Amino acid sequence: MPEISIQKNCSQLSDLIDTESFGEPIGKLPKQTNSGFFEQDNLYAGTWECAPGTLKLDLDVMEFCHLLSGHWILTSESGQITEIKAGDSWVFPNGWKGKAEVIETVRKVYFLIT
């Protein structure tokens, strides 16, 4: 029988580890860390953090996110600008392309479908 997976107090986690970049850096590669707590088939969940910097994204996944802290500006390939601040939730649709500019270190919880 499947059991509940939990990651408590995500905003205060101190066990995040260095991870591969979520996107291609534009300029200096911003430090990125992650703490996953669920993996099953093509589903993943965890907490991710990224220092200020800019990433080019070309996503082949769908991802639900909730921003715990920080400030992000996402600009799609078509020019739509989405500003995200702590407390906001959003979905990266599969196929989304654009630029992600981290203004203030971001920490998000995520649910990823590959």
PDB file of N, CA and C in Angstrom:
ATOM      1  N   MET A   1       0.842  -1.181   0.000  1.00  0.00           N
ATOM      2  CA  MET A   1       0.000   0.000   0.000  1.00  0.00           C
ATOM      3  C   MET A   1       0.886   1.244   0.000  1.00  0.00           C
ATOM      4  N   PRO A   2       0.624   2.199  -0.886  1.00  0.00           N
ATOM      5  CA  PRO A   2       1.417   3.444  -0.916  1.00  0.00           C
ATOM      6  C   PRO A   2       1.229   4.246   0.368  1.00  0.00           C
ATOM      7  N   GLU A   3       2.285   4.934   0.752  1.00  0.00           N
ATOM      8  CA  GLU A   3       2.257   5.765   1.952  1.00  0.00           C
ATOM      9  C   GLU A   3       2.507   7.220   1.586  1.00  0.00           C
ATOM     10  N   ILE A   4       2.150   8.116   2.462  1.00  0.00           N
ATOM     11  CA  ILE A   4       2.337   9.552   2.267  1.00  0.00           C
ATOM     12  C   ILE A   4       3.821   9.898   2.350  1.00  0.00           C
ATOM     13  N   SER A   5       4.283  10.719   1.411  1.00  0.00           N
ATOM     14  CA  SER A   5       5.640  11.275   1.455  1.00  0.00           C
ATOM     15  C   SER A   5       5.530  12.694   1.971  1.00  0.00           C
ATOM     16  N   ILE A   6       6.440  13.089   2.850  1.00  0.00           N
ATOM     17  CA  ILE A   6       6.363  14.427   3.436  1.00  0.00           C
ATOM     18  C   ILE A   6       7.759  15.029   3.550  1.00  0.00           C
ATOM     19  N   GLN A   7       7.812  16.322   3.342  1.00  0.00           N
ATOM     20  CA  GLN A   7       9.024  17.096   3.572  1.00  0.00           C
ATOM     21  C   GLN A   7       8.592  18.266   4.442  1.00  0.00           C
ATOM     22  N   LYS A   8       8.992  18.250   5.696  1.00  0.00           N
ATOM     23  CA  LYS A   8       8.502  19.244   6.660  1.00  0.00           C
ATOM     24  C   LYS A   8       9.331  20.511   6.647  1.00  0.00           C
ATOM     25  N   ASN A   9       8.637  21.630   6.896  1.00  0.00           N
ATOM     26  CA  ASN A   9       9.256  22.943   7.056  1.00  0.00           C
ATOM     27  C   ASN A   9      10.215  23.276   5.913  1.00  0.00           C
ATOM     28  N   CYS A  10       9.714  23.194   4.686  1.00  0.00           N
ATOM     29  CA  CYS A  10      10.528  23.388   3.485  1.00  0.00           C
ATOM     30  C   CYS A  10      11.248  24.732   3.457  1.00  0.00           C
ATOM     31  N   SER A  11      10.653  25.753   4.031  1.00  0.00           N
ATOM     32  CA  SER A  11      11.273  27.080   4.003  1.00  0.00           C
ATOM     33  C   SER A  11      12.512  27.149   4.889  1.00  0.00           C
ATOM     34  N   GLN A  12      12.662  26.199   5.817  1.00  0.00           N
ATOM     35  CA  GLN A  12      13.796  26.211   6.743  1.00  0.00           C
ATOM     36  C   GLN A  12      14.785  25.065   6.518  1.00  0.00           C
ATOM     37  N   LEU A  13      14.599  24.273   5.470  1.00  0.00           N
ATOM     38  CA  LEU A  13      15.490  23.133   5.232  1.00  0.00           C
ATOM     39  C   LEU A  13      16.940  23.585   5.144  1.00  0.00           C
ATOM     40  N   SER A  14      17.811  22.799   5.729  1.00  0.00           N
ATOM     41  CA  SER A  14      19.237  23.115   5.659  1.00  0.00           C
ATOM     42  C   SER A  14      20.024  22.001   4.973  1.00  0.00           C
ATOM     43  N   ASP A  15      19.322  20.976   4.460  1.00  0.00           N
ATOM     44  CA  ASP A  15      20.015  19.836   3.847  1.00  0.00           C
ATOM     45  C   ASP A  15      19.965  19.840   2.320  1.00  0.00           C
ATOM     46  N   LEU A  16      19.723  21.006   1.700  1.00  0.00           N
ATOM     47  CA  LEU A  16      19.730  21.071   0.248  1.00  0.00           C
ATOM     48  C   LEU A  16      21.154  20.834  -0.247  1.00  0.00           C
ATOM     49  N   ILE A  17      21.276  20.096  -1.346  1.00  0.00           N
ATOM     50  CA  ILE A  17      22.602  19.787  -1.898  1.00  0.00           C
ATOM     51  C   ILE A  17      22.735  20.380  -3.294  1.00  0.00           C
ATOM     52  N   ASP A  18      23.968  20.636  -3.709  1.00  0.00           N
ATOM     53  CA  ASP A  18      24.214  21.171  -5.046  1.00  0.00           C
ATOM     54  C   ASP A  18      23.570  20.265  -6.081  1.00  0.00           C
ATOM     55  N   THR A  19      23.018  20.890  -7.124  1.00  0.00           N
ATOM     56  CA  THR A  19      22.336  20.135  -8.167  1.00  0.00           C
ATOM     57  C   THR A  19      22.691  20.707  -9.533  1.00  0.00           C
ATOM     58  N   GLU A  20      22.386  19.946 -10.573  1.00  0.00           N
ATOM     59  CA  GLU A  20      22.605  20.422 -11.942  1.00  0.00           C
ATOM     60  C   GLU A  20      21.709  21.620 -12.197  1.00  0.00           C
ATOM     61  N   SER A  21      22.109  22.431 -13.147  1.00  0.00           N
ATOM     62  CA  SER A  21      21.349  23.632 -13.463  1.00  0.00           C
ATOM     63  C   SER A  21      19.988  23.289 -14.053  1.00  0.00           C
ATOM     64  N   PHE A  22      18.981  24.036 -13.618  1.00  0.00           N
ATOM     65  CA  PHE A  22      17.612  23.911 -14.119  1.00  0.00           C
ATOM     66  C   PHE A  22      17.510  24.426 -15.552  1.00  0.00           C
ATOM     67  N   GLY A  23      18.436  25.266 -15.958  1.00  0.00           N
ATOM     68  CA  GLY A  23      18.448  25.815 -17.309  1.00  0.00           C
ATOM     69  C   GLY A  23      19.864  26.189 -17.694  1.00  0.00           C
ATOM     70  N   GLU A  24      19.987  26.730 -18.899  1.00  0.00           N
ATOM     71  CA  GLU A  24      21.295  27.165 -19.392  1.00  0.00           C
ATOM     72  C   GLU A  24      21.567  28.574 -18.877  1.00  0.00           C
ATOM     73  N   PRO A  25      22.710  28.792 -18.211  1.00  0.00           N
ATOM     74  CA  PRO A  25      22.975  30.118 -17.658  1.00  0.00           C
ATOM     75  C   PRO A  25      23.199  31.166 -18.748  1.00  0.00           C
ATOM     76  N   ILE A  26      22.716  32.358 -18.471  1.00  0.00           N
ATOM     77  CA  ILE A  26      23.032  33.526 -19.284  1.00  0.00           C
ATOM     78  C   ILE A  26      23.962  34.344 -18.404  1.00  0.00           C
ATOM     79  N   GLY A  27      25.241  34.288 -18.683  1.00  0.00           N
ATOM     80  CA  GLY A  27      26.226  34.875 -17.785  1.00  0.00           C
ATOM     81  C   GLY A  27      26.689  33.829 -16.796  1.00  0.00           C
ATOM     82  N   LYS A  28      27.061  34.276 -15.607  1.00  0.00           N
ATOM     83  CA  LYS A  28      27.570  33.389 -14.563  1.00  0.00           C
ATOM     84  C   LYS A  28      26.495  32.411 -14.101  1.00  0.00           C
ATOM     85  N   LEU A  29      26.883  31.138 -13.921  1.00  0.00           N
ATOM     86  CA  LEU A  29      25.951  30.114 -13.452  1.00  0.00           C
ATOM     87  C   LEU A  29      25.557  30.385 -12.003  1.00  0.00           C
ATOM     88  N   PRO A  30      24.252  30.609 -11.731  1.00  0.00           N
ATOM     89  CA  PRO A  30      23.837  30.803 -10.335  1.00  0.00           C
ATOM     90  C   PRO A  30      23.843  29.478  -9.578  1.00  0.00           C
ATOM     91  N   LYS A  31      24.237  29.533  -8.302  1.00  0.00           N
ATOM     92  CA  LYS A  31      24.249  28.334  -7.457  1.00  0.00           C
ATOM     93  C   LYS A  31      22.822  27.816  -7.293  1.00  0.00           C
ATOM     94  N   GLN A  32      22.651  26.498  -7.475  1.00  0.00           N
ATOM     95  CA  GLN A  32      21.352  25.862  -7.355  1.00  0.00           C
ATOM     96  C   GLN A  32      21.476  24.642  -6.448  1.00  0.00           C
ATOM     97  N   THR A  33      20.519  24.500  -5.534  1.00  0.00           N
ATOM     98  CA  THR A  33      20.506  23.374  -4.610  1.00  0.00           C
ATOM     99  C   THR A  33      19.113  22.747  -4.591  1.00  0.00           C
ATOM    100  N   ASN A  34      19.047  21.501  -4.139  1.00  0.00           N
ATOM    101  CA  ASN A  34      17.798  20.757  -4.194  1.00  0.00           C
ATOM    102  C   ASN A  34      17.725  19.755  -3.038  1.00  0.00           C
ATOM    103  N   SER A  35      16.514  19.458  -2.617  1.00  0.00           N
ATOM    104  CA  SER A  35      16.257  18.379  -1.673  1.00  0.00           C
ATOM    105  C   SER A  35      14.972  17.682  -2.114  1.00  0.00           C
ATOM    106  N   GLY A  36      15.121  16.592  -2.858  1.00  0.00           N
ATOM    107  CA  GLY A  36      13.957  15.836  -3.305  1.00  0.00           C
ATOM    108  C   GLY A  36      13.464  14.925  -2.198  1.00  0.00           C
ATOM    109  N   PHE A  37      12.148  14.692  -2.190  1.00  0.00           N
ATOM    110  CA  PHE A  37      11.602  13.779  -1.172  1.00  0.00           C
ATOM    111  C   PHE A  37      10.625  12.772  -1.745  1.00  0.00           C
ATOM    112  N   PHE A  38      10.355  12.868  -3.054  1.00  0.00           N
ATOM    113  CA  PHE A  38       9.436  11.911  -3.674  1.00  0.00           C
ATOM    114  C   PHE A  38       9.892  11.655  -5.108  1.00  0.00           C
ATOM    115  N   GLU A  39       9.935  10.377  -5.484  1.00  0.00           N
ATOM    116  CA  GLU A  39      10.237   9.985  -6.856  1.00  0.00           C
ATOM    117  C   GLU A  39       9.511   8.690  -7.148  1.00  0.00           C
ATOM    118  N   GLN A  40       8.692   8.721  -8.205  1.00  0.00           N
ATOM    119  CA  GLN A  40       7.970   7.516  -8.629  1.00  0.00           C
ATOM    120  C   GLN A  40       7.727   7.628 -10.121  1.00  0.00           C
ATOM    121  N   ASP A  41       8.270   6.691 -10.875  1.00  0.00           N
ATOM    122  CA  ASP A  41       8.146   6.706 -12.333  1.00  0.00           C
ATOM    123  C   ASP A  41       8.605   8.062 -12.875  1.00  0.00           C
ATOM    124  N   ASN A  42       7.695   8.842 -13.439  1.00  0.00           N
ATOM    125  CA  ASN A  42       8.047  10.138 -14.037  1.00  0.00           C
ATOM    126  C   ASN A  42       7.595  11.313 -13.172  1.00  0.00           C
ATOM    127  N   LEU A  43       7.409  11.082 -11.875  1.00  0.00           N
ATOM    128  CA  LEU A  43       6.946  12.117 -10.949  1.00  0.00           C
ATOM    129  C   LEU A  43       8.013  12.405  -9.907  1.00  0.00           C
ATOM    130  N   TYR A  44       8.216  13.686  -9.617  1.00  0.00           N
ATOM    131  CA  TYR A  44       9.243  14.099  -8.658  1.00  0.00           C
ATOM    132  C   TYR A  44       8.714  15.270  -7.834  1.00  0.00           C
ATOM    133  N   ALA A  45       9.098  15.334  -6.553  1.00  0.00           N
ATOM    134  CA  ALA A  45       8.727  16.465  -5.704  1.00  0.00           C
ATOM    135  C   ALA A  45       9.896  16.798  -4.790  1.00  0.00           C
ATOM    136  N   GLY A  46       9.993  18.085  -4.446  1.00  0.00           N
ATOM    137  CA  GLY A  46      11.063  18.494  -3.555  1.00  0.00           C
ATOM    138  C   GLY A  46      11.089  19.996  -3.364  1.00  0.00           C
ATOM    139  N   THR A  47      12.214  20.462  -2.843  1.00  0.00           N
ATOM    140  CA  THR A  47      12.461  21.880  -2.610  1.00  0.00           C
ATOM    141  C   THR A  47      13.729  22.253  -3.366  1.00  0.00           C
ATOM    142  N   TRP A  48      13.681  23.352  -4.095  1.00  0.00           N
ATOM    143  CA  TRP A  48      14.799  23.812  -4.927  1.00  0.00           C
ATOM    144  C   TRP A  48      15.083  25.260  -4.602  1.00  0.00           C
ATOM    145  N   GLU A  49      16.363  25.622  -4.625  1.00  0.00           N
ATOM    146  CA  GLU A  49      16.758  27.000  -4.351  1.00  0.00           C
ATOM    147  C   GLU A  49      17.759  27.452  -5.410  1.00  0.00           C
ATOM    148  N   CYS A  50      17.690  28.736  -5.773  1.00  0.00           N
ATOM    149  CA  CYS A  50      18.597  29.284  -6.777  1.00  0.00           C
ATOM    150  C   CYS A  50      19.004  30.699  -6.379  1.00  0.00           C
ATOM    151  N   ALA A  51      20.318  30.961  -6.450  1.00  0.00           N
ATOM    152  CA  ALA A  51      20.871  32.283  -6.170  1.00  0.00           C
ATOM    153  C   ALA A  51      20.567  33.217  -7.347  1.00  0.00           C
ATOM    154  N   PRO A  52      20.708  34.526  -7.156  1.00  0.00           N
ATOM    155  CA  PRO A  52      20.463  35.475  -8.241  1.00  0.00           C
ATOM    156  C   PRO A  52      21.288  35.154  -9.489  1.00  0.00           C
ATOM    157  N   GLY A  53      20.650  35.359 -10.621  1.00  0.00           N
ATOM    158  CA  GLY A  53      21.250  35.094 -11.924  1.00  0.00           C
ATOM    159  C   GLY A  53      20.150  34.886 -12.939  1.00  0.00           C
ATOM    160  N   THR A  54      20.538  34.565 -14.162  1.00  0.00           N
ATOM    161  CA  THR A  54      19.570  34.392 -15.243  1.00  0.00           C
ATOM    162  C   THR A  54      19.797  33.062 -15.936  1.00  0.00           C
ATOM    163  N   LEU A  55      18.691  32.357 -16.192  1.00  0.00           N
ATOM    164  CA  LEU A  55      18.724  31.067 -16.859  1.00  0.00           C
ATOM    165  C   LEU A  55      17.832  31.095 -18.091  1.00  0.00           C
ATOM    166  N   LYS A  56      18.285  30.468 -19.152  1.00  0.00           N
ATOM    167  CA  LYS A  56      17.460  30.260 -20.342  1.00  0.00           C
ATOM    168  C   LYS A  56      16.798  28.897 -20.163  1.00  0.00           C
ATOM    169  N   LEU A  57      15.467  28.856 -20.273  1.00  0.00           N
ATOM    170  CA  LEU A  57      14.724  27.611 -20.060  1.00  0.00           C
ATOM    171  C   LEU A  57      14.071  27.145 -21.358  1.00  0.00           C
ATOM    172  N   ASP A  58      14.132  25.856 -21.595  1.00  0.00           N
ATOM    173  CA  ASP A  58      13.469  25.183 -22.703  1.00  0.00           C
ATOM    174  C   ASP A  58      12.958  23.875 -22.114  1.00  0.00           C
ATOM    175  N   LEU A  59      11.755  23.911 -21.546  1.00  0.00           N
ATOM    176  CA  LEU A  59      11.273  22.821 -20.698  1.00  0.00           C
ATOM    177  C   LEU A  59      10.562  21.721 -21.470  1.00  0.00           C
ATOM    178  N   ASP A  60      10.944  20.488 -21.161  1.00  0.00           N
ATOM    179  CA  ASP A  60      10.249  19.323 -21.717  1.00  0.00           C
ATOM    180  C   ASP A  60       9.566  18.562 -20.580  1.00  0.00           C
ATOM    181  N   VAL A  61       9.130  19.316 -19.586  1.00  0.00           N
ATOM    182  CA  VAL A  61       8.429  18.783 -18.413  1.00  0.00           C
ATOM    183  C   VAL A  61       7.262  19.712 -18.079  1.00  0.00           C
ATOM    184  N   MET A  62       6.352  19.241 -17.237  1.00  0.00           N
ATOM    185  CA  MET A  62       5.335  20.101 -16.644  1.00  0.00           C
ATOM    186  C   MET A  62       5.656  20.172 -15.157  1.00  0.00           C
ATOM    187  N   GLU A  63       5.567  21.387 -14.595  1.00  0.00           N
ATOM    188  CA  GLU A  63       5.952  21.544 -13.196  1.00  0.00           C
ATOM    189  C   GLU A  63       5.022  22.519 -12.489  1.00  0.00           C
ATOM    190  N   PHE A  64       4.474  22.076 -11.359  1.00  0.00           N
ATOM    191  CA  PHE A  64       3.741  22.956 -10.453  1.00  0.00           C
ATOM    192  C   PHE A  64       4.748  23.456  -9.433  1.00  0.00           C
ATOM    193  N   CYS A  65       4.716  24.769  -9.130  1.00  0.00           N
ATOM    194  CA  CYS A  65       5.658  25.367  -8.183  1.00  0.00           C
ATOM    195  C   CYS A  65       4.922  26.288  -7.214  1.00  0.00           C
ATOM    196  N   HIS A  66       5.472  26.386  -6.012  1.00  0.00           N
ATOM    197  CA  HIS A  66       5.016  27.370  -5.033  1.00  0.00           C
ATOM    198  C   HIS A  66       6.263  28.035  -4.471  1.00  0.00           C
ATOM    199  N   LEU A  67       6.339  29.364  -4.603  1.00  0.00           N
ATOM    200  CA  LEU A  67       7.522  30.097  -4.170  1.00  0.00           C
ATOM    201  C   LEU A  67       7.439  30.405  -2.679  1.00  0.00           C
ATOM    202  N   LEU A  68       8.399  29.876  -1.937  1.00  0.00           N
ATOM    203  CA  LEU A  68       8.457  30.086  -0.491  1.00  0.00           C
ATOM    204  C   LEU A  68       9.125  31.410  -0.151  1.00  0.00           C
ATOM    205  N   SER A  69      10.151  31.762  -0.921  1.00  0.00           N
ATOM    206  CA  SER A  69      10.871  33.015  -0.677  1.00  0.00           C
ATOM    207  C   SER A  69      11.542  33.465  -1.963  1.00  0.00           C
ATOM    208  N   GLY A  70      11.809  34.761  -2.031  1.00  0.00           N
ATOM    209  CA  GLY A  70      12.541  35.306  -3.159  1.00  0.00           C
ATOM    210  C   GLY A  70      11.671  36.037  -4.168  1.00  0.00           C
ATOM    211  N   HIS A  71      12.286  36.336  -5.301  1.00  0.00           N
ATOM    212  CA  HIS A  71      11.655  37.138  -6.354  1.00  0.00           C
ATOM    213  C   HIS A  71      12.226  36.688  -7.688  1.00  0.00           C
ATOM    214  N   TRP A  72      11.327  36.374  -8.601  1.00  0.00           N
ATOM    215  CA  TRP A  72      11.678  35.848  -9.923  1.00  0.00           C
ATOM    216  C   TRP A  72      10.928  36.631 -10.974  1.00  0.00           C
ATOM    217  N   ILE A  73      11.560  36.848 -12.118  1.00  0.00           N
ATOM    218  CA  ILE A  73      10.865  37.402 -13.283  1.00  0.00           C
ATOM    219  C   ILE A  73      11.062  36.420 -14.434  1.00  0.00           C
ATOM    220  N   LEU A  74       9.946  35.906 -14.936  1.00  0.00           N
ATOM    221  CA  LEU A  74       9.956  34.955 -16.048  1.00  0.00           C
ATOM    222  C   LEU A  74       9.476  35.668 -17.305  1.00  0.00           C
ATOM    223  N   THR A  75      10.241  35.568 -18.374  1.00  0.00           N
ATOM    224  CA  THR A  75       9.866  36.192 -19.643  1.00  0.00           C
ATOM    225  C   THR A  75       9.805  35.094 -20.690  1.00  0.00           C
ATOM    226  N   SER A  76       8.605  34.841 -21.222  1.00  0.00           N
ATOM    227  CA  SER A  76       8.443  33.771 -22.203  1.00  0.00           C
ATOM    228  C   SER A  76       9.068  34.181 -23.532  1.00  0.00           C
ATOM    229  N   GLU A  77       9.278  33.196 -24.373  1.00  0.00           N
ATOM    230  CA  GLU A  77       9.841  33.435 -25.704  1.00  0.00           C
ATOM    231  C   GLU A  77       8.979  34.414 -26.502  1.00  0.00           C
ATOM    232  N   SER A  78       7.667  34.436 -26.224  1.00  0.00           N
ATOM    233  CA  SER A  78       6.762  35.349 -26.931  1.00  0.00           C
ATOM    234  C   SER A  78       6.748  36.752 -26.324  1.00  0.00           C
ATOM    235  N   GLY A  79       7.440  36.924 -25.170  1.00  0.00           N
ATOM    236  CA  GLY A  79       7.535  38.249 -24.554  1.00  0.00           C
ATOM    237  C   GLY A  79       6.650  38.475 -23.344  1.00  0.00           C
ATOM    238  N   GLN A  80       5.817  37.508 -22.969  1.00  0.00           N
ATOM    239  CA  GLN A  80       4.977  37.672 -21.784  1.00  0.00           C
ATOM    240  C   GLN A  80       5.847  37.659 -20.536  1.00  0.00           C
ATOM    241  N   ILE A  81       5.687  38.668 -19.686  1.00  0.00           N
ATOM    242  CA  ILE A  81       6.462  38.782 -18.455  1.00  0.00           C
ATOM    243  C   ILE A  81       5.580  38.379 -17.274  1.00  0.00           C
ATOM    244  N   THR A  82       6.093  37.460 -16.453  1.00  0.00           N
ATOM    245  CA  THR A  82       5.391  37.003 -15.258  1.00  0.00           C
ATOM    246  C   THR A  82       6.313  37.235 -14.067  1.00  0.00           C
ATOM    247  N   GLU A  83       5.880  38.096 -13.153  1.00  0.00           N
ATOM    248  CA  GLU A  83       6.662  38.373 -11.955  1.00  0.00           C
ATOM    249  C   GLU A  83       6.134  37.488 -10.833  1.00  0.00           C
ATOM    250  N   ILE A  84       7.045  36.793 -10.158  1.00  0.00           N
ATOM    251  CA  ILE A  84       6.669  35.855  -9.110  1.00  0.00           C
ATOM    252  C   ILE A  84       7.388  36.237  -7.820  1.00  0.00           C
ATOM    253  N   LYS A  85       6.599  36.323  -6.749  1.00  0.00           N
ATOM    254  CA  LYS A  85       7.156  36.660  -5.434  1.00  0.00           C
ATOM    255  C   LYS A  85       6.691  35.620  -4.415  1.00  0.00           C
ATOM    256  N   ALA A  86       7.352  35.613  -3.262  1.00  0.00           N
ATOM    257  CA  ALA A  86       7.036  34.656  -2.204  1.00  0.00           C
ATOM    258  C   ALA A  86       5.523  34.571  -1.970  1.00  0.00           C
ATOM    259  N   GLY A  87       5.024  33.346  -1.898  1.00  0.00           N
ATOM    260  CA  GLY A  87       3.600  33.107  -1.686  1.00  0.00           C
ATOM    261  C   GLY A  87       2.854  32.772  -2.965  1.00  0.00           C
ATOM    262  N   ASP A  88       3.467  33.023  -4.136  1.00  0.00           N
ATOM    263  CA  ASP A  88       2.820  32.758  -5.424  1.00  0.00           C
ATOM    264  C   ASP A  88       2.997  31.301  -5.837  1.00  0.00           C
ATOM    265  N   SER A  89       1.994  30.773  -6.564  1.00  0.00           N
ATOM    266  CA  SER A  89       2.047  29.439  -7.159  1.00  0.00           C
ATOM    267  C   SER A  89       1.849  29.579  -8.663  1.00  0.00           C
ATOM    268  N   TRP A  90       2.443  28.680  -9.443  1.00  0.00           N
ATOM    269  CA  TRP A  90       2.296  28.727 -10.896  1.00  0.00           C
ATOM    270  C   TRP A  90       2.619  27.354 -11.475  1.00  0.00           C
ATOM    271  N   VAL A  91       2.353  27.224 -12.772  1.00  0.00           N
ATOM    272  CA  VAL A  91       2.676  26.007 -13.510  1.00  0.00           C
ATOM    273  C   VAL A  91       3.538  26.376 -14.702  1.00  0.00           C
ATOM    274  N   PHE A  92       4.674  25.694 -14.841  1.00  0.00           N
ATOM    275  CA  PHE A  92       5.447  25.744 -16.080  1.00  0.00           C
ATOM    276  C   PHE A  92       4.819  24.690 -16.983  1.00  0.00           C
ATOM    277  N   PRO A  93       4.190  25.084 -18.097  1.00  0.00           N
ATOM    278  CA  PRO A  93       3.629  24.073 -18.981  1.00  0.00           C
ATOM    279  C   PRO A  93       4.737  23.385 -19.788  1.00  0.00           C
ATOM    280  N   ASN A  94       4.503  22.140 -20.140  1.00  0.00           N
ATOM    281  CA  ASN A  94       5.452  21.405 -20.976  1.00  0.00           C
ATOM    282  C   ASN A  94       5.661  22.193 -22.271  1.00  0.00           C
ATOM    283  N   GLY A  95       6.912  22.426 -22.619  1.00  0.00           N
ATOM    284  CA  GLY A  95       7.229  23.167 -23.833  1.00  0.00           C
ATOM    285  C   GLY A  95       7.499  24.651 -23.614  1.00  0.00           C
ATOM    286  N   TRP A  96       7.390  25.116 -22.351  1.00  0.00           N
ATOM    287  CA  TRP A  96       7.616  26.545 -22.083  1.00  0.00           C
ATOM    288  C   TRP A  96       9.074  26.890 -22.375  1.00  0.00           C
ATOM    289  N   LYS A  97       9.257  28.029 -23.053  1.00  0.00           N
ATOM    290  CA  LYS A  97      10.594  28.520 -23.362  1.00  0.00           C
ATOM    291  C   LYS A  97      10.678  29.975 -22.949  1.00  0.00           C
ATOM    292  N   GLY A  98      11.820  30.337 -22.400  1.00  0.00           N
ATOM    293  CA  GLY A  98      11.995  31.725 -22.031  1.00  0.00           C
ATOM    294  C   GLY A  98      13.178  31.929 -21.122  1.00  0.00           C
ATOM    295  N   LYS A  99      13.156  33.068 -20.439  1.00  0.00           N
ATOM    296  CA  LYS A  99      14.248  33.483 -19.563  1.00  0.00           C
ATOM    297  C   LYS A  99      13.709  33.586 -18.142  1.00  0.00           C
ATOM    298  N   ALA A 100      14.482  33.069 -17.188  1.00  0.00           N
ATOM    299  CA  ALA A 100      14.135  33.141 -15.770  1.00  0.00           C
ATOM    300  C   ALA A 100      15.207  33.960 -15.068  1.00  0.00           C
ATOM    301  N   GLU A 101      14.837  35.140 -14.608  1.00  0.00           N
ATOM    302  CA  GLU A 101      15.784  36.015 -13.932  1.00  0.00           C
ATOM    303  C   GLU A 101      15.497  35.999 -12.429  1.00  0.00           C
ATOM    304  N   VAL A 102      16.437  35.478 -11.668  1.00  0.00           N
ATOM    305  CA  VAL A 102      16.312  35.449 -10.215  1.00  0.00           C
ATOM    306  C   VAL A 102      16.829  36.783  -9.683  1.00  0.00           C
ATOM    307  N   ILE A 103      15.919  37.589  -9.140  1.00  0.00           N
ATOM    308  CA  ILE A 103      16.253  38.905  -8.616  1.00  0.00           C
ATOM    309  C   ILE A 103      16.788  38.791  -7.193  1.00  0.00           C
ATOM    310  N   GLU A 104      16.084  37.971  -6.398  1.00  0.00           N
ATOM    311  CA  GLU A 104      16.445  37.697  -4.998  1.00  0.00           C
ATOM    312  C   GLU A 104      16.359  36.191  -4.827  1.00  0.00           C
ATOM    313  N   THR A 105      17.342  35.554  -4.194  1.00  0.00           N
ATOM    314  CA  THR A 105      17.392  34.094  -4.073  1.00  0.00           C
ATOM    315  C   THR A 105      16.000  33.513  -3.891  1.00  0.00           C
ATOM    316  N   VAL A 106      15.665  32.537  -4.763  1.00  0.00           N
ATOM    317  CA  VAL A 106      14.350  31.901  -4.714  1.00  0.00           C
ATOM    318  C   VAL A 106      14.451  30.518  -4.082  1.00  0.00           C
ATOM    319  N   ARG A 107      13.397  30.156  -3.365  1.00  0.00           N
ATOM    320  CA  ARG A 107      13.229  28.798  -2.851  1.00  0.00           C
ATOM    321  C   ARG A 107      11.804  28.394  -3.161  1.00  0.00           C
ATOM    322  N   LYS A 108      11.672  27.288  -3.884  1.00  0.00           N
ATOM    323  CA  LYS A 108      10.339  26.823  -4.272  1.00  0.00           C
ATOM    324  C   LYS A 108      10.182  25.360  -3.912  1.00  0.00           C
ATOM    325  N   VAL A 109       8.934  24.964  -3.671  1.00  0.00           N
ATOM    326  CA  VAL A 109       8.581  23.556  -3.623  1.00  0.00           C
ATOM    327  C   VAL A 109       7.985  23.247  -4.988  1.00  0.00           C
ATOM    328  N   TYR A 110       8.222  22.030  -5.447  1.00  0.00           N
ATOM    329  CA  TYR A 110       7.810  21.695  -6.806  1.00  0.00           C
ATOM    330  C   TYR A 110       7.246  20.285  -6.885  1.00  0.00           C
ATOM    331  N   PHE A 111       6.435  20.093  -7.919  1.00  0.00           N
ATOM    332  CA  PHE A 111       5.971  18.770  -8.323  1.00  0.00           C
ATOM    333  C   PHE A 111       6.175  18.698  -9.827  1.00  0.00           C
ATOM    334  N   LEU A 112       7.026  17.809 -10.259  1.00  0.00           N
ATOM    335  CA  LEU A 112       7.490  17.749 -11.635  1.00  0.00           C
ATOM    336  C   LEU A 112       7.002  16.473 -12.308  1.00  0.00           C
ATOM    337  N   ILE A 113       6.482  16.621 -13.528  1.00  0.00           N
ATOM    338  CA  ILE A 113       6.060  15.472 -14.342  1.00  0.00           C
ATOM    339  C   ILE A 113       6.910  15.475 -15.593  1.00  0.00           C
ATOM    340  N   THR A 114       7.709  14.409 -15.766  1.00  0.00           N
ATOM    341  CA  THR A 114       8.596  14.348 -16.934  1.00  0.00           C
ATOM    342  C   THR A 114       7.959  13.566 -18.064  1.00  0.00           C
TER     343      THR A 114
END
